[in-house]
Amino acid sequence: MKLRLILSLFCISILLIACSNSRLEPKPMFGNKVSTFEATNQSGKSFTNKDMKGKVWIANFIFTNCETVCPPMSFNMSRVIDQLEKEGVKDFGVISFSVDPKRDTPKALQAFKNKYNNKTKNWELVSQYDEKFIRQFAEDNFKTIVVPPTKENDQATHGTSFYLIDQNGVVIKDYAGKDTGDKKFPKEEIVEDVKTLIKEGPYKK
């Protein structure tokens, strides 16, 4: 009887530990709320942070004439979206911020999206702000660099991470946006984290 009681208490304690660890909490470098932004999406419509209110979302940085990292990153983003939609997940969104706002017109953004996933309504590609804004926005909110293209080099420099943001606009964590060395792109982890945030609700301090 005593042994059975001990085993029961052990199982309960394991369950409680699992439950307490299930809630996603921001990485130490994050936990900040994304600052306001005003942009134009691939359809030529105004798009702001208010359009993501109440949604769990994923963000990254790209530009449409990128010759290196953006194609695999965008392909991976389309895989995440496909999986979430296949599983019937709602109340999520994706934003790809252009780091080349001078050239990335709505038409260019739409053509870029068409290469990867032109059917989904959950993926917004945005631009039409100035270079100074996107550089500061990336640094302040996502702790990453953005160096717009120059006359000498038409390829911008930017980070390759994906970022998870909760329903209140708080940045939770980041992921590698593409395969790196022996590590594969963490599609399943991203999908599960989005589902967890939707189920458990936004982060609370």
N, C-alpha and C. Protein backbone atom coordinates (compact mmCIF):
# COMPACT_ATOMS: atom_id res chain seq x y z
N MET A 1 0.85 -1.21 0.00
CA MET A 1 0.00 0.00 0.00
C MET A 1 0.88 1.26 0.00
N LYS A 2 1.91 1.20 0.86
CA LYS A 2 2.83 2.34 0.96
C LYS A 2 3.57 2.56 -0.36
N LEU A 3 3.99 1.44 -0.98
CA LEU A 3 4.72 1.51 -2.25
C LEU A 3 3.83 2.10 -3.34
N ARG A 4 2.57 1.68 -3.34
CA ARG A 4 1.62 2.19 -4.34
C ARG A 4 1.42 3.69 -4.19
N LEU A 5 1.35 4.15 -2.91
CA LEU A 5 1.18 5.58 -2.64
C LEU A 5 2.39 6.38 -3.13
N ILE A 6 3.58 5.84 -2.91
CA ILE A 6 4.81 6.50 -3.34
C ILE A 6 4.85 6.62 -4.85
N LEU A 7 4.48 5.52 -5.51
CA LEU A 7 4.47 5.52 -6.98
C LEU A 7 3.46 6.53 -7.53
N SER A 8 2.30 6.61 -6.89
CA SER A 8 1.27 7.55 -7.33
C SER A 8 1.75 8.99 -7.18
N LEU A 9 2.39 9.28 -6.04
CA LEU A 9 2.91 10.63 -5.82
C LEU A 9 4.01 10.97 -6.81
N PHE A 10 4.83 9.97 -7.14
CA PHE A 10 5.91 10.17 -8.11
C PHE A 10 5.34 10.52 -9.49
N CYS A 11 4.32 9.77 -9.90
CA CYS A 11 3.68 10.01 -11.20
C CYS A 11 3.05 11.40 -11.24
N ILE A 12 2.40 11.80 -10.15
CA ILE A 12 1.77 13.11 -10.09
C ILE A 12 2.82 14.22 -10.19
N SER A 13 3.96 14.03 -9.51
CA SER A 13 5.01 15.05 -9.54
C SER A 13 5.59 15.19 -10.94
N ILE A 14 5.73 14.06 -11.65
CA ILE A 14 6.23 14.09 -13.03
C ILE A 14 5.25 14.84 -13.92
N LEU A 15 3.97 14.59 -13.70
CA LEU A 15 2.93 15.26 -14.48
C LEU A 15 2.96 16.77 -14.24
N LEU A 16 3.11 17.16 -12.99
CA LEU A 16 3.15 18.58 -12.66
C LEU A 16 4.35 19.27 -13.26
N ILE A 17 5.50 18.59 -13.27
CA ILE A 17 6.71 19.14 -13.87
C ILE A 17 6.50 19.34 -15.36
N ALA A 18 5.90 18.32 -16.00
CA ALA A 18 5.66 18.40 -17.45
C ALA A 18 4.74 19.56 -17.77
N CYS A 19 3.70 19.74 -16.94
CA CYS A 19 2.76 20.82 -17.19
C CYS A 19 3.41 22.18 -17.02
N SER A 20 4.26 22.30 -15.97
CA SER A 20 4.88 23.59 -15.71
C SER A 20 5.87 23.98 -16.80
N ASN A 21 6.44 22.97 -17.46
CA ASN A 21 7.41 23.25 -18.51
C ASN A 21 6.81 23.39 -19.89
N SER A 22 5.51 23.17 -20.02
CA SER A 22 4.90 23.18 -21.34
C SER A 22 4.72 24.60 -21.88
N ARG A 23 4.60 25.57 -20.98
CA ARG A 23 4.39 26.95 -21.44
C ARG A 23 5.68 27.52 -22.00
N LEU A 24 5.57 28.09 -23.17
CA LEU A 24 6.73 28.71 -23.79
C LEU A 24 7.02 30.05 -23.13
N GLU A 25 8.26 30.25 -22.76
CA GLU A 25 8.68 31.51 -22.19
C GLU A 25 9.77 32.10 -23.06
N PRO A 26 9.87 33.43 -23.10
CA PRO A 26 10.86 34.06 -23.97
C PRO A 26 12.29 33.67 -23.62
N LYS A 27 13.12 33.56 -24.64
CA LYS A 27 14.55 33.41 -24.40
C LYS A 27 15.05 34.67 -23.70
N PRO A 28 16.15 34.57 -22.96
CA PRO A 28 16.65 35.73 -22.22
C PRO A 28 16.85 36.99 -23.06
N MET A 29 17.24 36.82 -24.31
CA MET A 29 17.50 37.99 -25.15
C MET A 29 16.21 38.62 -25.70
N PHE A 30 15.08 37.92 -25.53
CA PHE A 30 13.81 38.43 -26.04
C PHE A 30 12.86 38.80 -24.90
N GLY A 31 11.56 38.66 -25.12
CA GLY A 31 10.58 39.04 -24.11
C GLY A 31 10.06 40.45 -24.31
N ASN A 32 10.58 41.12 -25.35
CA ASN A 32 10.12 42.47 -25.66
C ASN A 32 8.92 42.43 -26.60
N LYS A 33 8.14 43.50 -26.57
CA LYS A 33 7.00 43.61 -27.47
C LYS A 33 7.45 44.29 -28.76
N VAL A 34 7.04 43.73 -29.89
CA VAL A 34 7.43 44.30 -31.19
C VAL A 34 6.88 45.72 -31.31
N SER A 35 7.75 46.63 -31.70
CA SER A 35 7.33 48.02 -31.84
C SER A 35 6.40 48.19 -33.03
N THR A 36 5.68 49.29 -33.04
CA THR A 36 4.72 49.53 -34.11
C THR A 36 5.42 49.69 -35.46
N PHE A 37 4.75 49.26 -36.49
CA PHE A 37 5.28 49.43 -37.84
C PHE A 37 4.13 49.67 -38.81
N GLU A 38 4.43 50.39 -39.86
CA GLU A 38 3.47 50.62 -40.94
C GLU A 38 4.16 50.24 -42.24
N ALA A 39 3.50 49.38 -43.01
CA ALA A 39 4.11 48.87 -44.24
C ALA A 39 3.03 48.67 -45.30
N THR A 40 3.46 48.19 -46.44
CA THR A 40 2.54 47.84 -47.53
C THR A 40 2.83 46.40 -47.91
N ASN A 41 1.77 45.60 -48.06
CA ASN A 41 1.99 44.18 -48.36
C ASN A 41 2.03 43.93 -49.87
N GLN A 42 2.12 42.66 -50.22
CA GLN A 42 2.27 42.26 -51.62
C GLN A 42 1.04 42.59 -52.47
N SER A 43 -0.06 42.88 -51.82
CA SER A 43 -1.28 43.26 -52.55
C SER A 43 -1.42 44.77 -52.69
N GLY A 44 -0.42 45.50 -52.18
CA GLY A 44 -0.48 46.95 -52.25
C GLY A 44 -1.35 47.58 -51.17
N LYS A 45 -1.71 46.79 -50.15
CA LYS A 45 -2.56 47.29 -49.07
C LYS A 45 -1.73 47.64 -47.84
N SER A 46 -2.21 48.59 -47.09
CA SER A 46 -1.56 48.98 -45.84
C SER A 46 -1.56 47.81 -44.87
N PHE A 47 -0.44 47.62 -44.19
CA PHE A 47 -0.34 46.53 -43.22
C PHE A 47 0.45 47.02 -42.02
N THR A 48 -0.09 46.83 -40.81
CA THR A 48 0.56 47.27 -39.58
C THR A 48 0.57 46.15 -38.55
N ASN A 49 1.23 46.42 -37.44
CA ASN A 49 1.27 45.44 -36.36
C ASN A 49 -0.12 45.13 -35.81
N LYS A 50 -1.05 46.06 -35.96
CA LYS A 50 -2.42 45.84 -35.48
C LYS A 50 -3.10 44.69 -36.22
N ASP A 51 -2.67 44.44 -37.45
CA ASP A 51 -3.26 43.35 -38.24
C ASP A 51 -2.89 41.98 -37.69
N MET A 52 -1.90 41.92 -36.80
CA MET A 52 -1.49 40.65 -36.22
C MET A 52 -2.00 40.47 -34.79
N LYS A 53 -2.76 41.44 -34.30
CA LYS A 53 -3.25 41.37 -32.93
C LYS A 53 -4.08 40.11 -32.70
N GLY A 54 -3.76 39.39 -31.65
CA GLY A 54 -4.50 38.17 -31.32
C GLY A 54 -4.01 36.93 -32.02
N LYS A 55 -3.01 37.08 -32.88
CA LYS A 55 -2.48 35.94 -33.63
C LYS A 55 -1.07 35.58 -33.14
N VAL A 56 -0.76 34.31 -33.22
CA VAL A 56 0.62 33.86 -33.07
C VAL A 56 1.26 34.02 -34.44
N TRP A 57 2.45 34.60 -34.51
CA TRP A 57 3.03 34.78 -35.83
C TRP A 57 4.52 34.50 -35.86
N ILE A 58 4.99 34.27 -37.06
CA ILE A 58 6.40 34.01 -37.33
C ILE A 58 6.90 35.13 -38.23
N ALA A 59 8.09 35.63 -37.95
CA ALA A 59 8.66 36.71 -38.75
C ALA A 59 10.05 36.33 -39.25
N ASN A 60 10.41 36.89 -40.39
CA ASN A 60 11.80 36.79 -40.86
C ASN A 60 12.10 37.97 -41.77
N PHE A 61 13.34 38.02 -42.26
CA PHE A 61 13.79 39.12 -43.11
C PHE A 61 14.30 38.56 -44.43
N ILE A 62 13.83 39.13 -45.53
CA ILE A 62 14.20 38.65 -46.86
C ILE A 62 14.30 39.83 -47.83
N PHE A 63 14.73 39.59 -49.06
CA PHE A 63 14.56 40.55 -50.16
C PHE A 63 14.46 39.76 -51.45
N THR A 64 13.74 40.30 -52.40
CA THR A 64 13.28 39.49 -53.53
C THR A 64 14.36 39.12 -54.54
N ASN A 65 15.43 39.90 -54.65
CA ASN A 65 16.47 39.52 -55.60
C ASN A 65 17.67 38.88 -54.91
N CYS A 66 17.43 38.35 -53.73
CA CYS A 66 18.45 37.65 -52.95
C CYS A 66 18.94 36.42 -53.73
N GLU A 67 20.25 36.26 -53.78
CA GLU A 67 20.83 35.17 -54.55
C GLU A 67 21.35 34.02 -53.68
N THR A 68 21.24 34.15 -52.37
CA THR A 68 21.84 33.15 -51.49
C THR A 68 20.84 32.54 -50.50
N VAL A 69 20.64 33.20 -49.36
CA VAL A 69 19.90 32.57 -48.26
C VAL A 69 18.38 32.67 -48.36
N CYS A 70 17.86 33.68 -49.04
CA CYS A 70 16.40 33.88 -49.05
C CYS A 70 15.61 32.77 -49.72
N PRO A 71 16.06 32.23 -50.85
CA PRO A 71 15.30 31.13 -51.45
C PRO A 71 15.11 29.93 -50.53
N PRO A 72 16.17 29.38 -49.89
CA PRO A 72 15.93 28.25 -48.99
C PRO A 72 15.11 28.65 -47.76
N MET A 73 15.31 29.88 -47.26
CA MET A 73 14.51 30.32 -46.12
C MET A 73 13.03 30.40 -46.48
N SER A 74 12.74 30.94 -47.64
CA SER A 74 11.35 31.09 -48.06
C SER A 74 10.70 29.75 -48.36
N PHE A 75 11.48 28.84 -48.91
CA PHE A 75 10.97 27.48 -49.13
C PHE A 75 10.62 26.84 -47.79
N ASN A 76 11.50 27.02 -46.80
CA ASN A 76 11.24 26.46 -45.47
C ASN A 76 10.02 27.11 -44.81
N MET A 77 9.86 28.41 -45.03
CA MET A 77 8.69 29.08 -44.47
C MET A 77 7.41 28.51 -45.09
N SER A 78 7.45 28.25 -46.38
CA SER A 78 6.27 27.68 -47.04
C SER A 78 5.97 26.29 -46.50
N ARG A 79 7.01 25.54 -46.12
CA ARG A 79 6.80 24.21 -45.54
C ARG A 79 6.10 24.30 -44.19
N VAL A 80 6.50 25.27 -43.38
CA VAL A 80 5.87 25.49 -42.08
C VAL A 80 4.39 25.85 -42.26
N ILE A 81 4.13 26.79 -43.17
CA ILE A 81 2.75 27.21 -43.43
C ILE A 81 1.91 26.04 -43.93
N ASP A 82 2.46 25.27 -44.86
CA ASP A 82 1.74 24.11 -45.39
C ASP A 82 1.37 23.14 -44.28
N GLN A 83 2.31 22.88 -43.37
CA GLN A 83 2.06 21.93 -42.29
C GLN A 83 1.00 22.44 -41.33
N LEU A 84 1.08 23.71 -40.97
CA LEU A 84 0.09 24.29 -40.06
C LEU A 84 -1.31 24.27 -40.68
N GLU A 85 -1.39 24.62 -41.96
CA GLU A 85 -2.69 24.63 -42.63
C GLU A 85 -3.21 23.21 -42.81
N LYS A 86 -2.31 22.28 -43.08
CA LYS A 86 -2.71 20.88 -43.23
C LYS A 86 -3.31 20.34 -41.94
N GLU A 87 -2.79 20.80 -40.80
CA GLU A 87 -3.28 20.35 -39.50
C GLU A 87 -4.48 21.17 -39.02
N GLY A 88 -4.92 22.10 -39.85
CA GLY A 88 -6.11 22.88 -39.51
C GLY A 88 -5.87 23.96 -38.47
N VAL A 89 -4.62 24.39 -38.31
CA VAL A 89 -4.30 25.42 -37.33
C VAL A 89 -4.77 26.78 -37.83
N LYS A 90 -5.44 27.52 -36.96
CA LYS A 90 -5.92 28.85 -37.31
C LYS A 90 -5.30 29.87 -36.36
N ASP A 91 -5.60 31.14 -36.58
CA ASP A 91 -5.10 32.22 -35.73
C ASP A 91 -3.58 32.30 -35.70
N PHE A 92 -2.96 32.05 -36.84
CA PHE A 92 -1.52 32.26 -36.95
C PHE A 92 -1.25 33.08 -38.21
N GLY A 93 -0.09 33.67 -38.26
CA GLY A 93 0.29 34.45 -39.44
C GLY A 93 1.79 34.44 -39.62
N VAL A 94 2.23 34.86 -40.78
CA VAL A 94 3.65 34.94 -41.10
C VAL A 94 3.91 36.29 -41.76
N ILE A 95 4.98 36.97 -41.34
CA ILE A 95 5.39 38.21 -41.98
C ILE A 95 6.84 38.10 -42.40
N SER A 96 7.11 38.36 -43.67
CA SER A 96 8.48 38.48 -44.17
C SER A 96 8.73 39.95 -44.45
N PHE A 97 9.65 40.53 -43.69
CA PHE A 97 9.99 41.94 -43.84
C PHE A 97 11.09 42.10 -44.89
N SER A 98 10.85 42.94 -45.88
CA SER A 98 11.88 43.18 -46.89
C SER A 98 12.98 44.07 -46.32
N VAL A 99 14.23 43.71 -46.62
CA VAL A 99 15.37 44.54 -46.21
C VAL A 99 15.87 45.39 -47.38
N ASP A 100 15.13 45.35 -48.48
CA ASP A 100 15.46 46.16 -49.65
C ASP A 100 14.21 46.92 -50.09
N PRO A 101 13.73 47.82 -49.22
CA PRO A 101 12.43 48.46 -49.47
C PRO A 101 12.36 49.34 -50.71
N LYS A 102 13.50 49.82 -51.19
CA LYS A 102 13.49 50.66 -52.38
C LYS A 102 13.07 49.89 -53.62
N ARG A 103 13.53 48.64 -53.73
CA ARG A 103 13.24 47.86 -54.92
C ARG A 103 12.09 46.87 -54.74
N ASP A 104 11.81 46.50 -53.50
CA ASP A 104 10.77 45.50 -53.27
C ASP A 104 9.39 46.14 -53.25
N THR A 105 8.87 46.39 -54.43
CA THR A 105 7.52 46.91 -54.60
C THR A 105 6.51 45.80 -54.32
N PRO A 106 5.25 46.16 -54.14
CA PRO A 106 4.23 45.11 -53.97
C PRO A 106 4.25 44.08 -55.09
N LYS A 107 4.44 44.54 -56.32
CA LYS A 107 4.50 43.63 -57.46
C LYS A 107 5.66 42.65 -57.33
N ALA A 108 6.82 43.14 -56.89
CA ALA A 108 7.98 42.27 -56.71
C ALA A 108 7.75 41.28 -55.58
N LEU A 109 7.11 41.75 -54.52
CA LEU A 109 6.82 40.86 -53.39
C LEU A 109 5.85 39.76 -53.79
N GLN A 110 4.82 40.11 -54.56
CA GLN A 110 3.85 39.12 -55.00
C GLN A 110 4.50 38.07 -55.90
N ALA A 111 5.36 38.52 -56.80
CA ALA A 111 6.05 37.59 -57.70
C ALA A 111 6.93 36.64 -56.90
N PHE A 112 7.55 37.17 -55.86
CA PHE A 112 8.41 36.36 -55.00
C PHE A 112 7.57 35.32 -54.25
N LYS A 113 6.45 35.76 -53.70
CA LYS A 113 5.56 34.84 -52.97
C LYS A 113 5.04 33.74 -53.89
N ASN A 114 4.76 34.09 -55.14
CA ASN A 114 4.23 33.12 -56.09
C ASN A 114 5.17 31.94 -56.31
N LYS A 115 6.45 32.17 -56.09
CA LYS A 115 7.43 31.09 -56.28
C LYS A 115 7.31 30.01 -55.20
N TYR A 116 6.75 30.40 -54.07
CA TYR A 116 6.77 29.49 -52.92
C TYR A 116 5.39 29.07 -52.43
N ASN A 117 4.49 30.02 -52.25
CA ASN A 117 3.16 29.67 -51.76
C ASN A 117 2.22 30.84 -52.01
N ASN A 118 1.65 30.90 -53.20
CA ASN A 118 0.81 32.04 -53.56
C ASN A 118 -0.66 31.85 -53.17
N LYS A 119 -1.01 30.70 -52.61
CA LYS A 119 -2.41 30.43 -52.28
C LYS A 119 -2.76 30.82 -50.85
N THR A 120 -1.79 30.71 -49.94
CA THR A 120 -2.10 30.97 -48.54
C THR A 120 -2.42 32.44 -48.28
N LYS A 121 -3.34 32.64 -47.35
CA LYS A 121 -3.68 34.00 -46.92
C LYS A 121 -2.97 34.35 -45.61
N ASN A 122 -2.17 33.40 -45.13
CA ASN A 122 -1.52 33.58 -43.84
C ASN A 122 -0.11 34.16 -43.94
N TRP A 123 0.36 34.39 -45.16
CA TRP A 123 1.74 34.87 -45.34
C TRP A 123 1.72 36.25 -45.98
N GLU A 124 2.22 37.24 -45.24
CA GLU A 124 2.31 38.60 -45.74
C GLU A 124 3.78 38.96 -45.97
N LEU A 125 4.07 39.53 -47.13
CA LEU A 125 5.39 40.07 -47.42
C LEU A 125 5.25 41.58 -47.45
N VAL A 126 6.06 42.29 -46.68
CA VAL A 126 5.83 43.72 -46.52
C VAL A 126 7.08 44.55 -46.82
N SER A 127 6.82 45.79 -47.24
CA SER A 127 7.90 46.71 -47.61
C SER A 127 7.35 48.14 -47.57
N GLN A 128 7.97 49.02 -48.38
CA GLN A 128 7.52 50.41 -48.53
C GLN A 128 7.74 51.27 -47.28
N TYR A 129 8.77 50.96 -46.50
CA TYR A 129 9.24 51.82 -45.42
C TYR A 129 10.65 52.22 -45.82
N ASP A 130 11.34 53.02 -45.03
CA ASP A 130 12.68 53.41 -45.46
C ASP A 130 13.75 52.49 -44.86
N GLU A 131 14.95 52.57 -45.41
CA GLU A 131 16.03 51.68 -45.01
C GLU A 131 16.44 51.89 -43.54
N LYS A 132 16.41 53.13 -43.11
CA LYS A 132 16.77 53.43 -41.72
C LYS A 132 15.81 52.74 -40.77
N PHE A 133 14.51 52.76 -41.12
CA PHE A 133 13.51 52.12 -40.26
C PHE A 133 13.77 50.62 -40.11
N ILE A 134 13.94 49.91 -41.22
CA ILE A 134 14.05 48.45 -41.14
C ILE A 134 15.33 48.03 -40.43
N ARG A 135 16.37 48.82 -40.58
CA ARG A 135 17.62 48.51 -39.88
C ARG A 135 17.41 48.61 -38.37
N GLN A 136 16.80 49.70 -37.92
CA GLN A 136 16.56 49.90 -36.49
C GLN A 136 15.52 48.94 -35.96
N PHE A 137 14.50 48.69 -36.74
CA PHE A 137 13.42 47.77 -36.35
C PHE A 137 13.97 46.37 -36.10
N ALA A 138 14.82 45.89 -36.99
CA ALA A 138 15.40 44.56 -36.85
C ALA A 138 16.29 44.48 -35.61
N GLU A 139 17.07 45.51 -35.40
CA GLU A 139 18.00 45.52 -34.26
C GLU A 139 17.25 45.62 -32.93
N ASP A 140 16.30 46.52 -32.84
CA ASP A 140 15.59 46.75 -31.58
C ASP A 140 14.71 45.58 -31.18
N ASN A 141 14.03 45.00 -32.15
CA ASN A 141 13.03 43.98 -31.82
C ASN A 141 13.55 42.54 -31.90
N PHE A 142 14.46 42.28 -32.82
CA PHE A 142 14.88 40.90 -33.05
C PHE A 142 16.38 40.67 -32.85
N LYS A 143 17.08 41.71 -32.39
CA LYS A 143 18.51 41.61 -32.08
C LYS A 143 19.32 41.07 -33.25
N THR A 144 18.98 41.54 -34.44
CA THR A 144 19.67 41.08 -35.64
C THR A 144 20.05 42.27 -36.52
N ILE A 145 20.99 42.05 -37.42
CA ILE A 145 21.46 43.15 -38.26
C ILE A 145 20.75 43.16 -39.61
N VAL A 146 20.64 44.35 -40.16
CA VAL A 146 20.19 44.54 -41.53
C VAL A 146 21.09 45.60 -42.16
N VAL A 147 21.73 45.26 -43.25
CA VAL A 147 22.54 46.21 -44.00
C VAL A 147 21.98 46.25 -45.42
N PRO A 148 21.27 47.31 -45.77
CA PRO A 148 20.66 47.40 -47.11
C PRO A 148 21.72 47.37 -48.21
N PRO A 149 21.32 47.05 -49.43
CA PRO A 149 22.26 47.02 -50.55
C PRO A 149 22.82 48.41 -50.85
N THR A 150 23.94 48.42 -51.54
CA THR A 150 24.58 49.69 -51.92
C THR A 150 24.75 49.73 -53.43
N LYS A 151 25.29 50.83 -53.93
CA LYS A 151 25.56 50.94 -55.36
C LYS A 151 26.59 49.91 -55.81
N GLU A 152 27.52 49.60 -54.92
CA GLU A 152 28.58 48.65 -55.25
C GLU A 152 28.14 47.20 -55.08
N ASN A 153 27.17 46.98 -54.22
CA ASN A 153 26.72 45.61 -53.93
C ASN A 153 25.20 45.59 -53.80
N ASP A 154 24.52 44.92 -54.73
CA ASP A 154 23.05 44.92 -54.70
C ASP A 154 22.47 43.84 -53.80
N GLN A 155 23.34 43.15 -53.05
CA GLN A 155 22.87 42.12 -52.12
C GLN A 155 22.90 42.66 -50.69
N ALA A 156 21.75 42.71 -50.05
CA ALA A 156 21.66 43.16 -48.67
C ALA A 156 22.25 42.11 -47.73
N THR A 157 22.59 42.54 -46.55
CA THR A 157 23.05 41.62 -45.50
C THR A 157 22.01 41.58 -44.40
N HIS A 158 21.63 40.39 -43.99
CA HIS A 158 20.61 40.26 -42.94
C HIS A 158 20.70 38.88 -42.30
N GLY A 159 20.07 38.75 -41.15
CA GLY A 159 20.05 37.48 -40.44
C GLY A 159 19.13 36.47 -41.12
N THR A 160 19.32 35.21 -40.80
CA THR A 160 18.54 34.14 -41.43
C THR A 160 17.58 33.44 -40.46
N SER A 161 17.40 34.01 -39.29
CA SER A 161 16.53 33.37 -38.28
C SER A 161 15.05 33.60 -38.56
N PHE A 162 14.24 32.70 -38.03
CA PHE A 162 12.80 32.88 -37.94
C PHE A 162 12.51 33.24 -36.48
N TYR A 163 11.47 34.05 -36.26
CA TYR A 163 11.14 34.49 -34.91
C TYR A 163 9.68 34.17 -34.58
N LEU A 164 9.46 33.69 -33.36
CA LEU A 164 8.12 33.36 -32.90
C LEU A 164 7.60 34.49 -32.03
N ILE A 165 6.41 34.99 -32.35
CA ILE A 165 5.81 36.11 -31.62
C ILE A 165 4.43 35.69 -31.13
N ASP A 166 4.11 36.02 -29.88
CA ASP A 166 2.83 35.58 -29.33
C ASP A 166 1.69 36.54 -29.67
N GLN A 167 0.52 36.26 -29.13
CA GLN A 167 -0.70 36.99 -29.47
C GLN A 167 -0.66 38.46 -29.02
N ASN A 168 0.22 38.78 -28.09
CA ASN A 168 0.35 40.16 -27.62
C ASN A 168 1.52 40.88 -28.28
N GLY A 169 2.14 40.22 -29.25
CA GLY A 169 3.26 40.85 -29.95
C GLY A 169 4.59 40.70 -29.26
N VAL A 170 4.70 39.79 -28.30
CA VAL A 170 5.95 39.58 -27.57
C VAL A 170 6.81 38.54 -28.31
N VAL A 171 8.08 38.89 -28.53
CA VAL A 171 9.00 37.96 -29.19
C VAL A 171 9.39 36.87 -28.20
N ILE A 172 9.18 35.62 -28.57
CA ILE A 172 9.41 34.49 -27.67
C ILE A 172 10.76 33.82 -27.92
N LYS A 173 11.04 33.44 -29.16
CA LYS A 173 12.29 32.72 -29.45
C LYS A 173 12.62 32.80 -30.93
N ASP A 174 13.81 32.31 -31.26
CA ASP A 174 14.22 32.29 -32.66
C ASP A 174 14.63 30.88 -33.06
N TYR A 175 14.70 30.67 -34.37
CA TYR A 175 15.08 29.38 -34.94
C TYR A 175 15.98 29.62 -36.14
N ALA A 176 16.80 28.65 -36.46
CA ALA A 176 17.58 28.72 -37.70
C ALA A 176 16.61 28.63 -38.87
N GLY A 177 16.73 29.55 -39.82
CA GLY A 177 15.80 29.59 -40.95
C GLY A 177 16.16 28.64 -42.08
N LYS A 178 17.30 27.97 -41.93
CA LYS A 178 17.71 27.02 -42.96
C LYS A 178 18.66 26.00 -42.33
N ASP A 179 19.00 24.97 -43.08
CA ASP A 179 19.95 23.98 -42.59
C ASP A 179 21.28 24.66 -42.28
N THR A 180 21.88 24.30 -41.17
CA THR A 180 23.19 24.83 -40.81
C THR A 180 24.09 23.68 -40.38
N GLY A 181 25.08 23.37 -41.21
CA GLY A 181 25.98 22.26 -40.89
C GLY A 181 25.22 20.95 -40.80
N ASP A 182 25.34 20.28 -39.66
CA ASP A 182 24.65 19.00 -39.46
C ASP A 182 23.22 19.18 -38.96
N LYS A 183 22.86 20.40 -38.61
CA LYS A 183 21.53 20.65 -38.06
C LYS A 183 20.54 20.97 -39.17
N LYS A 184 19.43 20.25 -39.14
CA LYS A 184 18.38 20.46 -40.13
C LYS A 184 17.42 21.57 -39.69
N PHE A 185 16.81 22.20 -40.64
CA PHE A 185 15.81 23.22 -40.35
C PHE A 185 14.73 22.63 -39.44
N PRO A 186 14.43 23.28 -38.28
CA PRO A 186 13.53 22.70 -37.27
C PRO A 186 12.04 22.91 -37.56
N LYS A 187 11.57 22.40 -38.67
CA LYS A 187 10.17 22.61 -39.05
C LYS A 187 9.20 22.12 -37.98
N GLU A 188 9.41 20.91 -37.50
CA GLU A 188 8.47 20.34 -36.54
C GLU A 188 8.44 21.12 -35.24
N GLU A 189 9.60 21.60 -34.80
CA GLU A 189 9.66 22.39 -33.57
C GLU A 189 8.86 23.68 -33.72
N ILE A 190 9.01 24.34 -34.85
CA ILE A 190 8.28 25.59 -35.08
C ILE A 190 6.78 25.34 -35.09
N VAL A 191 6.35 24.31 -35.81
CA VAL A 191 4.93 23.97 -35.89
C VAL A 191 4.37 23.69 -34.50
N GLU A 192 5.08 22.88 -33.72
CA GLU A 192 4.60 22.53 -32.38
C GLU A 192 4.57 23.75 -31.46
N ASP A 193 5.55 24.64 -31.58
CA ASP A 193 5.57 25.83 -30.74
C ASP A 193 4.41 26.77 -31.08
N VAL A 194 4.10 26.91 -32.36
CA VAL A 194 2.96 27.73 -32.75
C VAL A 194 1.68 27.15 -32.16
N LYS A 195 1.51 25.86 -32.26
CA LYS A 195 0.32 25.19 -31.72
C LYS A 195 0.23 25.34 -30.20
N THR A 196 1.38 25.25 -29.54
CA THR A 196 1.41 25.39 -28.09
C THR A 196 0.99 26.80 -27.66
N LEU A 197 1.51 27.82 -28.33
CA LEU A 197 1.15 29.19 -27.99
C LEU A 197 -0.33 29.45 -28.24
N ILE A 198 -0.87 28.91 -29.32
CA ILE A 198 -2.29 29.08 -29.62
C ILE A 198 -3.13 28.41 -28.54
N LYS A 199 -2.70 27.24 -28.11
CA LYS A 199 -3.45 26.49 -27.10
C LYS A 199 -3.36 27.12 -25.72
N GLU A 200 -2.16 27.54 -25.33
CA GLU A 200 -1.94 27.99 -23.95
C GLU A 200 -2.11 29.50 -23.78
N GLY A 201 -2.12 30.24 -24.89
CA GLY A 201 -2.29 31.68 -24.78
C GLY A 201 -0.96 32.41 -24.69
N PRO A 202 -1.00 33.73 -24.74
CA PRO A 202 0.23 34.54 -24.75
C PRO A 202 1.02 34.44 -23.46
N TYR A 203 2.27 34.82 -23.57
CA TYR A 203 3.17 34.81 -22.43
C TYR A 203 2.70 35.81 -21.37
N LYS A 204 2.78 35.38 -20.10
CA LYS A 204 2.43 36.26 -18.98
C LYS A 204 3.60 36.28 -18.02
N LYS A 205 4.02 37.49 -17.68
CA LYS A 205 5.16 37.65 -16.75
C LYS A 205 4.76 37.23 -15.35
